[in-house]
Each structure stands twice: as C-alpha cells, then as structure tokens.
Amino acid sequence: MAYLLPRAILVLIAWALTCGLIRKFWPDADPVIFCVAGASWAGAGIAYFAYLRRLKRDIDDLSRRRYIHSAG
C-alpha cells in the first residue's frame, strides 16, 4: 500500500490537469469528455500499477534466486 498511494495521487493529479486544460481550451465541453479523460487515466494507472507490481515481483524472484544460489 505504501508504494500504491503516491502513484494513485500522481494519476489523480494528471487527470485533474487534463480536465483543467480541457476546461481552459474548450469551455463548453460535454461532461462525457471528462469521463473519457478520467477513464483513460484510470486505464493508464492500472497498466502502470500492474507493470510496477510485475517488476517488483521479478526483482524479488531474482534476489531470492541469488540468495539460494550463493547459500547452496
């Protein structure tokens, strides 16, 4: 959870910036546009979290194999 929360906040900040830019450059934008922007950032966040989880798992496996190999 400690590694998840800062990254979730970054995704929320990115979505807020995207919505701010949409509101600035397209003031009469339909609310569906904001939902699409939020969904795309949510998808990007899920992919990012999945990648980091897989990377952490691979690093843990590698260090575990190294430890077993050096101990044996």
Protein backbone atom coordinates (compact mmCIF):
# COMPACT_ATOMS: atom_id res chain seq x y z
CA MET A 1 0.00 0.00 0.00
CA ALA A 2 2.91 2.34 0.67
CA TYR A 3 4.00 2.29 -2.95
CA LEU A 4 0.44 2.46 -4.30
CA LEU A 5 -0.81 5.66 -2.67
CA PRO A 6 1.78 8.14 -4.09
CA ARG A 7 1.27 6.76 -7.59
CA ALA A 8 -2.50 6.95 -7.26
CA ILE A 9 -2.17 10.59 -6.25
CA LEU A 10 0.00 11.23 -9.31
CA VAL A 11 -2.66 9.71 -11.56
CA LEU A 12 -5.34 11.88 -9.92
CA ILE A 13 -3.20 14.99 -10.37
CA ALA A 14 -2.64 14.14 -14.03
CA TRP A 15 -6.39 13.65 -14.54
CA ALA A 16 -7.10 16.98 -12.82
CA LEU A 17 -4.57 18.75 -15.04
CA THR A 18 -6.11 17.16 -18.11
CA CYS A 19 -9.57 18.32 -17.03
CA GLY A 20 -8.22 21.80 -16.32
CA LEU A 21 -6.68 22.02 -19.78
CA ILE A 22 -9.89 20.78 -21.39
CA ARG A 23 -11.89 23.38 -19.45
CA LYS A 24 -9.42 26.16 -20.41
CA PHE A 25 -9.18 25.42 -24.13
CA TRP A 26 -12.72 24.05 -24.61
CA PRO A 27 -15.02 25.83 -22.11
CA ASP A 28 -18.26 24.35 -23.45
CA ALA A 29 -17.03 20.74 -23.39
CA ASP A 30 -19.55 18.00 -22.78
CA PRO A 31 -19.23 16.19 -19.41
CA VAL A 32 -18.71 12.94 -21.34
CA ILE A 33 -15.30 14.29 -22.40
CA PHE A 34 -14.26 14.49 -18.74
CA CYS A 35 -15.47 10.94 -18.15
CA VAL A 36 -13.45 9.73 -21.14
CA ALA A 37 -10.38 11.56 -19.85
CA GLY A 38 -10.88 10.01 -16.42
CA ALA A 39 -11.35 6.53 -17.88
CA SER A 40 -8.20 6.85 -19.97
CA TRP A 41 -6.17 7.99 -16.95
CA ALA A 42 -7.66 5.15 -14.89
CA GLY A 43 -6.62 2.67 -17.58
CA ALA A 44 -3.14 4.15 -17.71
CA GLY A 45 -2.92 3.99 -13.92
CA ILE A 46 -3.96 0.34 -13.84
CA ALA A 47 -1.41 -0.54 -16.51
CA TYR A 48 1.27 1.40 -14.62
CA PHE A 49 0.46 -0.30 -11.31
CA ALA A 50 0.41 -3.74 -12.96
CA TYR A 51 3.79 -3.09 -14.55
CA LEU A 52 5.32 -1.95 -11.25
CA ARG A 53 3.89 -4.96 -9.42
CA ARG A 54 5.33 -7.32 -12.02
CA LEU A 55 8.68 -5.53 -11.91
CA LYS A 56 8.80 -5.75 -8.10
CA ARG A 57 7.91 -9.46 -8.24
CA ASP A 58 10.65 -10.12 -10.79
CA ILE A 59 13.22 -8.26 -8.68
CA ASP A 60 12.18 -10.23 -5.59
CA ASP A 61 12.46 -13.52 -7.53
CA LEU A 62 15.90 -12.58 -8.80
CA SER A 63 17.19 -11.67 -5.35
CA ARG A 64 15.70 -14.86 -3.90
CA ARG A 65 17.42 -16.97 -6.59
CA ARG A 66 20.69 -15.16 -5.98
CA TYR A 67 20.42 -15.84 -2.25
CA ILE A 68 19.63 -19.54 -2.78
CA HIS A 69 22.44 -19.87 -5.31
CA SER A 70 25.01 -18.20 -3.02
CA ALA A 71 23.85 -20.22 0.03
CA GLY A 72 23.92 -23.57 -1.80
